[in-house]
Amino acid sequence: MSKLFSSGSSKQDPPAVSTSKKKSQMEFYPGKGLGSYHCFGPTEDKQRKLFRSAVLQYGSLATLPNADQALASVLPRGFVDEVSAQGWTLKEAMQEAQAHYAAMPASSKPKRDSVDFDTRRLAGILAALSPNDPPAALLTELKGLIETKGESALKHLARMAEEAGRDQEGFIYLRRVARS
């Protein structure tokens, strides 16, 4: 009925109704992570989903004057068709998705402490030493190996450095290799 009349008040009322209608129709799954997505009802078809990664990557296109054309060129064709079938524009769908993420609370996950290179390298050595052992036992295992086998391991390394040589980065070959 509002399409028949051209008064200003009737033109402003339908967008408010359709905006609340849009929010109830576009659903968000599963709640967090880059694998989450927006869609217009349950579907297994990936082409009919707007993934969070696409919102993050292509969200800036919604500010362009030709946003619908730009978004249609990068979003999955099934989602583009689904948006138009639901009476939305791609720009509105993208803005709705962006508004959803903006309204989400910030992650409460604490930021990890930075670890220096030597600590990471030692952790890698310990993990490679015995991958099935609990981390607390690995340092004890390494200390035991150094005490019992440290001298013979150094002799072996010195012999291999002399016999097999080193590669371009300076690492000792731990077995004999053919020289070219």
N, C-alpha and C. Protein backbone atom coordinates (compact mmCIF):
# COMPACT_ATOMS: atom_id res chain seq x y z
N MET A 1 0.82 -1.18 0.00
CA MET A 1 0.00 0.00 0.00
C MET A 1 0.87 1.25 0.00
N SER A 2 2.04 1.20 0.63
CA SER A 2 2.90 2.37 0.69
C SER A 2 3.50 2.70 -0.67
N LYS A 3 3.56 1.76 -1.59
CA LYS A 3 4.10 2.03 -2.90
C LYS A 3 3.14 2.88 -3.74
N LEU A 4 1.87 2.84 -3.40
CA LEU A 4 0.88 3.61 -4.17
C LEU A 4 0.89 5.08 -3.81
N PHE A 5 1.22 5.39 -2.59
CA PHE A 5 1.24 6.77 -2.14
C PHE A 5 2.66 7.30 -2.13
N SER A 6 2.80 8.59 -2.48
CA SER A 6 4.13 9.17 -2.55
C SER A 6 4.41 10.16 -1.42
N SER A 7 3.65 10.11 -0.35
CA SER A 7 3.91 11.02 0.77
C SER A 7 5.19 10.61 1.48
N GLY A 8 5.89 11.57 2.06
CA GLY A 8 7.18 11.34 2.71
C GLY A 8 7.08 10.37 3.87
N SER A 9 5.98 10.43 4.66
CA SER A 9 5.89 9.59 5.84
C SER A 9 5.73 8.12 5.47
N SER A 10 5.03 7.83 4.39
CA SER A 10 4.84 6.43 4.02
C SER A 10 6.12 5.83 3.44
N LYS A 11 6.99 6.67 2.85
CA LYS A 11 8.25 6.17 2.32
C LYS A 11 9.22 5.85 3.46
N GLN A 12 9.13 6.54 4.56
CA GLN A 12 10.06 6.32 5.65
C GLN A 12 9.65 5.13 6.52
N ASP A 13 8.38 4.78 6.60
CA ASP A 13 7.92 3.69 7.45
C ASP A 13 8.40 2.31 6.97
N PRO A 14 8.31 1.95 5.69
CA PRO A 14 8.71 0.60 5.29
C PRO A 14 10.16 0.24 5.60
N PRO A 15 11.17 1.14 5.43
CA PRO A 15 12.52 0.72 5.78
C PRO A 15 12.68 0.31 7.24
N ALA A 16 11.98 0.99 8.15
CA ALA A 16 12.07 0.64 9.56
C ALA A 16 11.50 -0.76 9.79
N VAL A 17 10.42 -1.10 9.11
CA VAL A 17 9.82 -2.42 9.24
C VAL A 17 10.74 -3.47 8.62
N SER A 18 11.30 -3.16 7.44
CA SER A 18 12.16 -4.14 6.77
C SER A 18 13.48 -4.32 7.52
N THR A 19 13.96 -3.29 8.21
CA THR A 19 15.20 -3.43 8.96
C THR A 19 15.03 -4.44 10.09
N SER A 20 13.92 -4.36 10.82
CA SER A 20 13.71 -5.34 11.88
C SER A 20 13.46 -6.72 11.27
N LYS A 21 12.84 -6.75 10.10
CA LYS A 21 12.61 -8.02 9.42
C LYS A 21 13.94 -8.64 8.99
N LYS A 22 14.89 -7.82 8.50
CA LYS A 22 16.19 -8.30 8.05
C LYS A 22 16.95 -8.96 9.20
N LYS A 23 16.98 -8.29 10.35
CA LYS A 23 17.74 -8.81 11.47
C LYS A 23 17.20 -10.15 11.95
N SER A 24 15.91 -10.35 11.85
CA SER A 24 15.37 -11.62 12.30
C SER A 24 15.58 -12.73 11.28
N GLN A 25 15.78 -12.39 10.00
CA GLN A 25 15.94 -13.42 8.99
C GLN A 25 17.38 -13.84 8.78
N MET A 26 18.32 -12.94 8.93
CA MET A 26 19.71 -13.29 8.72
C MET A 26 20.26 -13.86 10.02
N GLU A 27 20.72 -15.11 9.97
CA GLU A 27 21.16 -15.80 11.17
C GLU A 27 22.67 -15.96 11.17
N PHE A 28 23.22 -16.13 12.37
CA PHE A 28 24.66 -16.24 12.54
C PHE A 28 24.99 -17.57 13.21
N TYR A 29 25.94 -18.30 12.66
CA TYR A 29 26.36 -19.59 13.21
C TYR A 29 27.88 -19.63 13.25
N PRO A 30 28.54 -20.36 14.03
CA PRO A 30 28.19 -20.97 15.31
C PRO A 30 28.52 -20.10 16.50
N GLY A 31 28.92 -18.87 16.29
CA GLY A 31 29.10 -17.97 17.42
C GLY A 31 30.48 -17.36 17.55
N LYS A 32 31.52 -18.04 17.09
CA LYS A 32 32.85 -17.45 17.17
C LYS A 32 33.78 -18.16 16.21
N GLY A 33 34.90 -17.53 15.95
CA GLY A 33 35.91 -18.13 15.08
C GLY A 33 35.74 -17.73 13.63
N LEU A 34 36.78 -17.96 12.84
CA LEU A 34 36.73 -17.61 11.43
C LEU A 34 35.82 -18.52 10.63
N GLY A 35 35.47 -19.68 11.13
CA GLY A 35 34.57 -20.59 10.43
C GLY A 35 33.11 -20.21 10.60
N SER A 36 32.81 -19.18 11.37
CA SER A 36 31.43 -18.77 11.57
C SER A 36 30.92 -18.05 10.34
N TYR A 37 29.59 -18.01 10.20
CA TYR A 37 29.00 -17.45 8.99
C TYR A 37 27.60 -16.91 9.23
N HIS A 38 27.12 -16.13 8.27
CA HIS A 38 25.76 -15.61 8.24
C HIS A 38 25.03 -16.29 7.09
N CYS A 39 23.74 -16.54 7.30
CA CYS A 39 22.94 -17.11 6.21
C CYS A 39 21.47 -16.84 6.51
N PHE A 40 20.62 -17.18 5.55
CA PHE A 40 19.18 -16.96 5.67
C PHE A 40 18.47 -18.27 5.98
N GLY A 41 18.90 -18.96 6.99
CA GLY A 41 18.30 -20.23 7.35
C GLY A 41 19.32 -21.35 7.27
N PRO A 42 19.05 -22.46 7.92
CA PRO A 42 20.01 -23.57 7.94
C PRO A 42 20.30 -24.08 6.52
N THR A 43 21.58 -24.27 6.23
CA THR A 43 21.98 -24.78 4.93
C THR A 43 23.34 -25.44 5.04
N GLU A 44 23.56 -26.45 4.24
CA GLU A 44 24.86 -27.11 4.17
C GLU A 44 25.67 -26.58 2.98
N ASP A 45 25.01 -25.83 2.11
CA ASP A 45 25.64 -25.31 0.90
C ASP A 45 26.53 -24.13 1.26
N LYS A 46 27.85 -24.30 1.10
CA LYS A 46 28.79 -23.24 1.44
C LYS A 46 28.61 -22.01 0.56
N GLN A 47 28.06 -22.20 -0.62
CA GLN A 47 27.85 -21.09 -1.54
C GLN A 47 26.76 -20.15 -1.06
N ARG A 48 25.91 -20.59 -0.14
CA ARG A 48 24.81 -19.75 0.35
C ARG A 48 25.14 -19.11 1.69
N LYS A 49 26.41 -19.14 2.08
CA LYS A 49 26.83 -18.60 3.37
C LYS A 49 27.78 -17.42 3.17
N LEU A 50 27.67 -16.45 4.07
CA LEU A 50 28.61 -15.33 4.12
C LEU A 50 29.52 -15.59 5.32
N PHE A 51 30.73 -16.08 5.05
CA PHE A 51 31.65 -16.43 6.12
C PHE A 51 32.27 -15.18 6.74
N ARG A 52 32.63 -15.31 8.01
CA ARG A 52 33.24 -14.20 8.73
C ARG A 52 34.51 -13.73 8.03
N SER A 53 35.27 -14.65 7.49
CA SER A 53 36.50 -14.26 6.81
C SER A 53 36.20 -13.36 5.62
N ALA A 54 35.08 -13.60 4.91
CA ALA A 54 34.70 -12.75 3.78
C ALA A 54 34.27 -11.37 4.27
N VAL A 55 33.60 -11.31 5.42
CA VAL A 55 33.19 -10.02 5.98
C VAL A 55 34.42 -9.21 6.33
N LEU A 56 35.41 -9.86 6.93
CA LEU A 56 36.64 -9.16 7.29
C LEU A 56 37.43 -8.72 6.06
N GLN A 57 37.45 -9.58 5.04
CA GLN A 57 38.25 -9.29 3.86
C GLN A 57 37.58 -8.28 2.93
N TYR A 58 36.28 -8.41 2.72
CA TYR A 58 35.60 -7.59 1.73
C TYR A 58 34.67 -6.54 2.33
N GLY A 59 34.65 -6.38 3.64
CA GLY A 59 33.76 -5.43 4.29
C GLY A 59 33.95 -4.00 3.84
N SER A 60 35.16 -3.64 3.50
CA SER A 60 35.43 -2.26 3.08
C SER A 60 34.75 -1.93 1.75
N LEU A 61 34.40 -2.94 0.97
CA LEU A 61 33.72 -2.70 -0.31
C LEU A 61 32.32 -2.13 -0.12
N ALA A 62 31.74 -2.32 1.07
CA ALA A 62 30.38 -1.82 1.34
C ALA A 62 30.33 -0.30 1.37
N THR A 63 31.47 0.36 1.47
CA THR A 63 31.49 1.82 1.51
C THR A 63 31.60 2.44 0.12
N LEU A 64 31.82 1.63 -0.88
CA LEU A 64 31.96 2.15 -2.25
C LEU A 64 30.61 2.55 -2.83
N PRO A 65 30.60 3.49 -3.78
CA PRO A 65 29.33 3.88 -4.41
C PRO A 65 28.68 2.71 -5.18
N ASN A 66 29.48 1.85 -5.75
CA ASN A 66 28.95 0.69 -6.48
C ASN A 66 29.16 -0.57 -5.65
N ALA A 67 28.81 -0.52 -4.38
CA ALA A 67 29.08 -1.60 -3.43
C ALA A 67 28.45 -2.92 -3.85
N ASP A 68 27.20 -2.88 -4.33
CA ASP A 68 26.53 -4.13 -4.70
C ASP A 68 27.25 -4.83 -5.84
N GLN A 69 27.72 -4.07 -6.83
CA GLN A 69 28.44 -4.68 -7.94
C GLN A 69 29.79 -5.23 -7.48
N ALA A 70 30.49 -4.47 -6.64
CA ALA A 70 31.80 -4.90 -6.16
C ALA A 70 31.67 -6.15 -5.29
N LEU A 71 30.67 -6.18 -4.41
CA LEU A 71 30.47 -7.35 -3.55
C LEU A 71 30.02 -8.56 -4.35
N ALA A 72 29.21 -8.34 -5.38
CA ALA A 72 28.74 -9.46 -6.21
C ALA A 72 29.90 -10.14 -6.93
N SER A 73 30.95 -9.38 -7.21
CA SER A 73 32.08 -9.97 -7.92
C SER A 73 32.98 -10.81 -7.02
N VAL A 74 32.90 -10.64 -5.70
CA VAL A 74 33.79 -11.38 -4.80
C VAL A 74 33.08 -12.38 -3.89
N LEU A 75 31.81 -12.21 -3.64
CA LEU A 75 31.08 -13.11 -2.75
C LEU A 75 30.56 -14.32 -3.52
N PRO A 76 30.30 -15.43 -2.84
CA PRO A 76 29.80 -16.63 -3.51
C PRO A 76 28.48 -16.36 -4.22
N ARG A 77 28.33 -16.91 -5.42
CA ARG A 77 27.15 -16.67 -6.25
C ARG A 77 25.86 -17.11 -5.55
N GLY A 78 25.91 -18.22 -4.83
CA GLY A 78 24.71 -18.68 -4.12
C GLY A 78 24.25 -17.69 -3.07
N PHE A 79 25.20 -17.07 -2.36
CA PHE A 79 24.83 -16.08 -1.36
C PHE A 79 24.26 -14.83 -2.02
N VAL A 80 24.84 -14.43 -3.13
CA VAL A 80 24.34 -13.26 -3.87
C VAL A 80 22.89 -13.49 -4.29
N ASP A 81 22.59 -14.68 -4.82
CA ASP A 81 21.23 -15.01 -5.23
C ASP A 81 20.28 -15.06 -4.04
N GLU A 82 20.77 -15.63 -2.92
CA GLU A 82 19.95 -15.74 -1.72
C GLU A 82 19.61 -14.36 -1.15
N VAL A 83 20.57 -13.45 -1.18
CA VAL A 83 20.34 -12.09 -0.67
C VAL A 83 19.25 -11.41 -1.48
N SER A 84 19.34 -11.48 -2.79
CA SER A 84 18.32 -10.82 -3.63
C SER A 84 16.98 -11.51 -3.49
N ALA A 85 16.95 -12.83 -3.28
CA ALA A 85 15.68 -13.54 -3.09
C ALA A 85 15.01 -13.13 -1.78
N GLN A 86 15.80 -12.76 -0.79
CA GLN A 86 15.25 -12.33 0.50
C GLN A 86 14.90 -10.85 0.52
N GLY A 87 15.15 -10.13 -0.57
CA GLY A 87 14.79 -8.72 -0.66
C GLY A 87 15.85 -7.78 -0.09
N TRP A 88 17.05 -8.24 0.07
CA TRP A 88 18.14 -7.43 0.58
C TRP A 88 19.05 -7.00 -0.56
N THR A 89 19.88 -6.01 -0.29
CA THR A 89 20.98 -5.70 -1.20
C THR A 89 22.24 -6.28 -0.57
N LEU A 90 23.25 -6.49 -1.36
CA LEU A 90 24.50 -7.02 -0.81
C LEU A 90 25.12 -6.05 0.19
N LYS A 91 24.98 -4.77 -0.09
CA LYS A 91 25.51 -3.76 0.82
C LYS A 91 24.83 -3.86 2.19
N GLU A 92 23.51 -4.03 2.19
CA GLU A 92 22.78 -4.17 3.45
C GLU A 92 23.19 -5.43 4.20
N ALA A 93 23.36 -6.53 3.48
CA ALA A 93 23.77 -7.78 4.12
C ALA A 93 25.17 -7.64 4.73
N MET A 94 26.06 -7.02 4.01
CA MET A 94 27.43 -6.84 4.52
C MET A 94 27.41 -5.91 5.74
N GLN A 95 26.64 -4.84 5.67
CA GLN A 95 26.57 -3.92 6.81
C GLN A 95 25.94 -4.60 8.02
N GLU A 96 24.95 -5.44 7.78
CA GLU A 96 24.32 -6.20 8.87
C GLU A 96 25.33 -7.13 9.53
N ALA A 97 26.12 -7.82 8.72
CA ALA A 97 27.14 -8.72 9.25
C ALA A 97 28.20 -7.93 10.02
N GLN A 98 28.63 -6.79 9.47
CA GLN A 98 29.62 -5.97 10.16
C GLN A 98 29.07 -5.44 11.49
N ALA A 99 27.81 -5.05 11.50
CA ALA A 99 27.18 -4.56 12.73
C ALA A 99 27.12 -5.68 13.78
N HIS A 100 26.87 -6.90 13.31
CA HIS A 100 26.83 -8.04 14.24
C HIS A 100 28.18 -8.23 14.91
N TYR A 101 29.27 -8.18 14.13
CA TYR A 101 30.60 -8.37 14.70
C TYR A 101 31.00 -7.18 15.58
N ALA A 102 30.57 -5.99 15.22
CA ALA A 102 30.88 -4.82 16.04
C ALA A 102 30.18 -4.89 17.39
N ALA A 103 28.99 -5.51 17.42
CA ALA A 103 28.23 -5.62 18.66
C ALA A 103 28.73 -6.75 19.56
N MET A 104 29.51 -7.66 19.00
CA MET A 104 30.03 -8.78 19.80
C MET A 104 31.06 -8.25 20.79
N PRO A 105 31.10 -8.82 22.00
CA PRO A 105 32.10 -8.37 22.97
C PRO A 105 33.49 -8.77 22.51
N ALA A 106 34.45 -7.98 22.92
CA ALA A 106 35.85 -8.26 22.57
C ALA A 106 36.27 -9.57 23.23
N SER A 107 37.19 -10.22 22.63
CA SER A 107 37.66 -11.51 23.14
C SER A 107 38.28 -11.32 24.51
N SER A 108 37.90 -12.18 25.44
CA SER A 108 38.45 -12.11 26.78
C SER A 108 39.68 -13.01 26.91
N LYS A 109 40.10 -13.57 25.80
CA LYS A 109 41.26 -14.45 25.80
C LYS A 109 42.51 -13.61 26.08
N PRO A 110 43.27 -13.96 27.11
CA PRO A 110 44.46 -13.17 27.42
C PRO A 110 45.52 -13.34 26.35
N LYS A 111 46.25 -12.28 26.11
CA LYS A 111 47.32 -12.33 25.13
C LYS A 111 48.48 -13.14 25.69
N ARG A 112 49.05 -14.00 24.86
CA ARG A 112 50.17 -14.83 25.30
C ARG A 112 51.40 -13.97 25.52
N ASP A 113 52.18 -14.36 26.52
CA ASP A 113 53.45 -13.68 26.77
C ASP A 113 54.41 -13.99 25.63
N SER A 114 55.22 -13.02 25.27
CA SER A 114 56.20 -13.26 24.22
C SER A 114 57.35 -14.10 24.80
N VAL A 115 57.88 -14.96 23.95
CA VAL A 115 58.95 -15.87 24.37
C VAL A 115 60.14 -15.63 23.46
N ASP A 116 61.32 -15.54 24.06
CA ASP A 116 62.52 -15.28 23.27
C ASP A 116 62.88 -16.50 22.41
N PHE A 117 63.74 -16.28 21.44
CA PHE A 117 64.11 -17.31 20.46
C PHE A 117 64.75 -18.52 21.12
N ASP A 118 65.67 -18.30 22.05
CA ASP A 118 66.37 -19.42 22.69
C ASP A 118 65.42 -20.30 23.48
N THR A 119 64.44 -19.69 24.15
CA THR A 119 63.46 -20.47 24.90
C THR A 119 62.62 -21.32 23.96
N ARG A 120 62.20 -20.73 22.82
CA ARG A 120 61.43 -21.50 21.84
C ARG A 120 62.27 -22.64 21.26
N ARG A 121 63.54 -22.37 21.01
CA ARG A 121 64.42 -23.41 20.46
C ARG A 121 64.59 -24.54 21.45
N LEU A 122 64.81 -24.22 22.73
CA LEU A 122 64.95 -25.26 23.76
C LEU A 122 63.64 -26.05 23.90
N ALA A 123 62.51 -25.37 23.84
CA ALA A 123 61.22 -26.07 23.91
C ALA A 123 61.07 -27.04 22.74
N GLY A 124 61.53 -26.64 21.56
CA GLY A 124 61.48 -27.53 20.40
C GLY A 124 62.37 -28.75 20.57
N ILE A 125 63.55 -28.53 21.13
CA ILE A 125 64.46 -29.65 21.38
C ILE A 125 63.85 -30.61 22.39
N LEU A 126 63.28 -30.06 23.46
CA LEU A 126 62.66 -30.90 24.48
C LEU A 126 61.48 -31.68 23.92
N ALA A 127 60.67 -31.04 23.10
CA ALA A 127 59.50 -31.72 22.53
C ALA A 127 59.94 -32.81 21.57
N ALA A 128 61.03 -32.60 20.83
CA ALA A 128 61.52 -33.62 19.90
C ALA A 128 62.21 -34.76 20.64
N LEU A 129 62.71 -34.49 21.83
CA LEU A 129 63.41 -35.50 22.62
C LEU A 129 62.52 -36.69 22.94
N SER A 130 61.33 -36.41 23.40
CA SER A 130 60.41 -37.49 23.77
C SER A 130 58.99 -36.94 23.70
N PRO A 131 58.36 -37.00 22.52
CA PRO A 131 57.06 -36.36 22.32
C PRO A 131 55.92 -36.90 23.18
N ASN A 132 56.03 -38.12 23.68
CA ASN A 132 54.93 -38.70 24.46
C ASN A 132 55.03 -38.41 25.95
N ASP A 133 56.16 -37.92 26.40
CA ASP A 133 56.34 -37.63 27.82
C ASP A 133 55.68 -36.31 28.18
N PRO A 134 55.26 -36.17 29.44
CA PRO A 134 54.70 -34.88 29.86
C PRO A 134 55.78 -33.81 29.86
N PRO A 135 55.42 -32.56 29.58
CA PRO A 135 56.42 -31.49 29.51
C PRO A 135 57.27 -31.35 30.76
N ALA A 136 56.71 -31.59 31.94
CA ALA A 136 57.49 -31.43 33.17
C ALA A 136 58.63 -32.43 33.26
N ALA A 137 58.50 -33.59 32.64
CA ALA A 137 59.53 -34.63 32.72
C ALA A 137 60.63 -34.44 31.67
N LEU A 138 60.40 -33.61 30.67
CA LEU A 138 61.35 -33.49 29.57
C LEU A 138 62.68 -32.88 29.98
N LEU A 139 62.64 -31.86 30.82
CA LEU A 139 63.89 -31.23 31.24
C LEU A 139 64.74 -32.20 32.06
N THR A 140 64.11 -32.97 32.92
CA THR A 140 64.82 -33.98 33.70
C THR A 140 65.43 -35.02 32.77
N GLU A 141 64.69 -35.42 31.75
CA GLU A 141 65.18 -36.38 30.75
C GLU A 141 66.42 -35.82 30.04
N LEU A 142 66.36 -34.55 29.63
CA LEU A 142 67.49 -33.94 28.93
C LEU A 142 68.71 -33.85 29.84
N LYS A 143 68.51 -33.43 31.08
CA LYS A 143 69.63 -33.34 32.02
C LYS A 143 70.27 -34.71 32.21
N GLY A 144 69.46 -35.74 32.33
CA GLY A 144 69.98 -37.10 32.49
C GLY A 144 70.79 -37.54 31.28
N LEU A 145 70.29 -37.24 30.08
CA LEU A 145 71.01 -37.58 28.86
C LEU A 145 72.34 -36.85 28.77
N ILE A 146 72.36 -35.58 29.15
CA ILE A 146 73.59 -34.79 29.09
C ILE A 146 74.63 -35.36 30.05
N GLU A 147 74.18 -35.73 31.26
CA GLU A 147 75.11 -36.28 32.24
C GLU A 147 75.67 -37.63 31.81
N THR A 148 74.81 -38.50 31.25
CA THR A 148 75.26 -39.85 30.93
C THR A 148 75.88 -39.95 29.54
N LYS A 149 75.38 -39.24 28.57
CA LYS A 149 75.83 -39.40 27.20
C LYS A 149 76.45 -38.14 26.60
N GLY A 150 76.60 -37.10 27.38
CA GLY A 150 77.10 -35.82 26.85
C GLY A 150 78.49 -35.90 26.26
N GLU A 151 79.42 -36.52 26.96
CA GLU A 151 80.82 -36.64 26.50
C GLU A 151 80.90 -37.40 25.18
N SER A 152 80.22 -38.55 25.10
CA SER A 152 80.29 -39.35 23.87
C SER A 152 79.57 -38.66 22.72
N ALA A 153 78.51 -37.90 23.02
CA ALA A 153 77.80 -37.16 21.96
C ALA A 153 78.70 -36.07 21.38
N LEU A 154 79.47 -35.40 22.22
CA LEU A 154 80.40 -34.36 21.74
C LEU A 154 81.51 -34.97 20.89
N LYS A 155 82.04 -36.11 21.30
CA LYS A 155 83.06 -36.79 20.50
C LYS A 155 82.50 -37.18 19.13
N HIS A 156 81.27 -37.68 19.13
CA HIS A 156 80.62 -38.07 17.86
C HIS A 156 80.43 -36.85 16.96
N LEU A 157 79.98 -35.74 17.52
CA LEU A 157 79.79 -34.51 16.74
C LEU A 157 81.11 -34.02 16.15
N ALA A 158 82.19 -34.05 16.97
CA ALA A 158 83.49 -33.61 16.48
C ALA A 158 83.98 -34.50 15.34
N ARG A 159 83.79 -35.82 15.48
CA ARG A 159 84.19 -36.74 14.42
C ARG A 159 83.38 -36.52 13.14
N MET A 160 82.06 -36.31 13.28
CA MET A 160 81.20 -36.10 12.10
C MET A 160 81.52 -34.76 11.44
N ALA A 161 81.87 -33.76 12.22
CA ALA A 161 82.23 -32.47 11.62
C ALA A 161 83.50 -32.62 10.80
N GLU A 162 84.41 -33.45 11.28
CA GLU A 162 85.65 -33.66 10.56
C GLU A 162 85.45 -34.56 9.33
N GLU A 163 84.70 -35.63 9.49
CA GLU A 163 84.53 -36.60 8.41
C GLU A 163 83.48 -36.17 7.38
N ALA A 164 82.30 -35.78 7.85
CA ALA A 164 81.19 -35.48 6.94
C ALA A 164 81.15 -34.01 6.55
N GLY A 165 81.65 -33.14 7.41
CA GLY A 165 81.66 -31.72 7.09
C GLY A 165 80.37 -31.01 7.48
N ARG A 166 80.21 -29.83 6.93
CA ARG A 166 79.05 -28.98 7.25
C ARG A 166 78.35 -28.56 5.97
N ASP A 167 77.07 -28.21 6.10
CA ASP A 167 76.33 -27.71 4.94
C ASP A 167 76.55 -26.21 4.79
N GLN A 168 75.82 -25.58 3.85
CA GLN A 168 76.01 -24.15 3.58
C GLN A 168 75.65 -23.27 4.76
N GLU A 169 74.76 -23.74 5.63
CA GLU A 169 74.34 -22.95 6.78
C GLU A 169 75.19 -23.21 8.02
N GLY A 170 76.16 -24.14 7.90
CA GLY A 170 77.05 -24.42 9.01
C GLY A 170 76.64 -25.59 9.87
N PHE A 171 75.56 -26.27 9.54
CA PHE A 171 75.13 -27.42 10.33
C PHE A 171 76.01 -28.62 10.02
N ILE A 172 76.33 -29.39 11.05
CA ILE A 172 77.15 -30.58 10.89
C ILE A 172 76.30 -31.69 10.29
N TYR A 173 76.84 -32.34 9.25
CA TYR A 173 76.15 -33.52 8.72
C TYR A 173 76.31 -34.64 9.74
N LEU A 174 75.20 -35.24 10.15
CA LEU A 174 75.27 -36.30 11.13
C LEU A 174 75.44 -37.68 10.51
N ARG A 175 75.55 -37.74 9.20
CA ARG A 175 75.89 -38.97 8.49
C ARG A 175 76.72 -38.58 7.29
N ARG A 176 77.46 -39.52 6.79
CA ARG A 176 78.33 -39.22 5.65
C ARG A 176 77.48 -38.98 4.41
N VAL A 177 77.83 -37.96 3.66
CA VAL A 177 77.13 -37.65 2.43
C VAL A 177 78.14 -37.59 1.29
N ALA A 178 77.68 -37.91 0.11
CA ALA A 178 78.56 -37.86 -1.06
C ALA A 178 78.82 -36.41 -1.40
N ARG A 179 80.06 -36.08 -1.65
CA ARG A 179 80.40 -34.70 -2.00
C ARG A 179 80.40 -34.57 -3.50
N SER A 180 79.83 -33.49 -3.98
CA SER A 180 79.78 -33.31 -5.43
C SER A 180 80.71 -32.22 -5.89
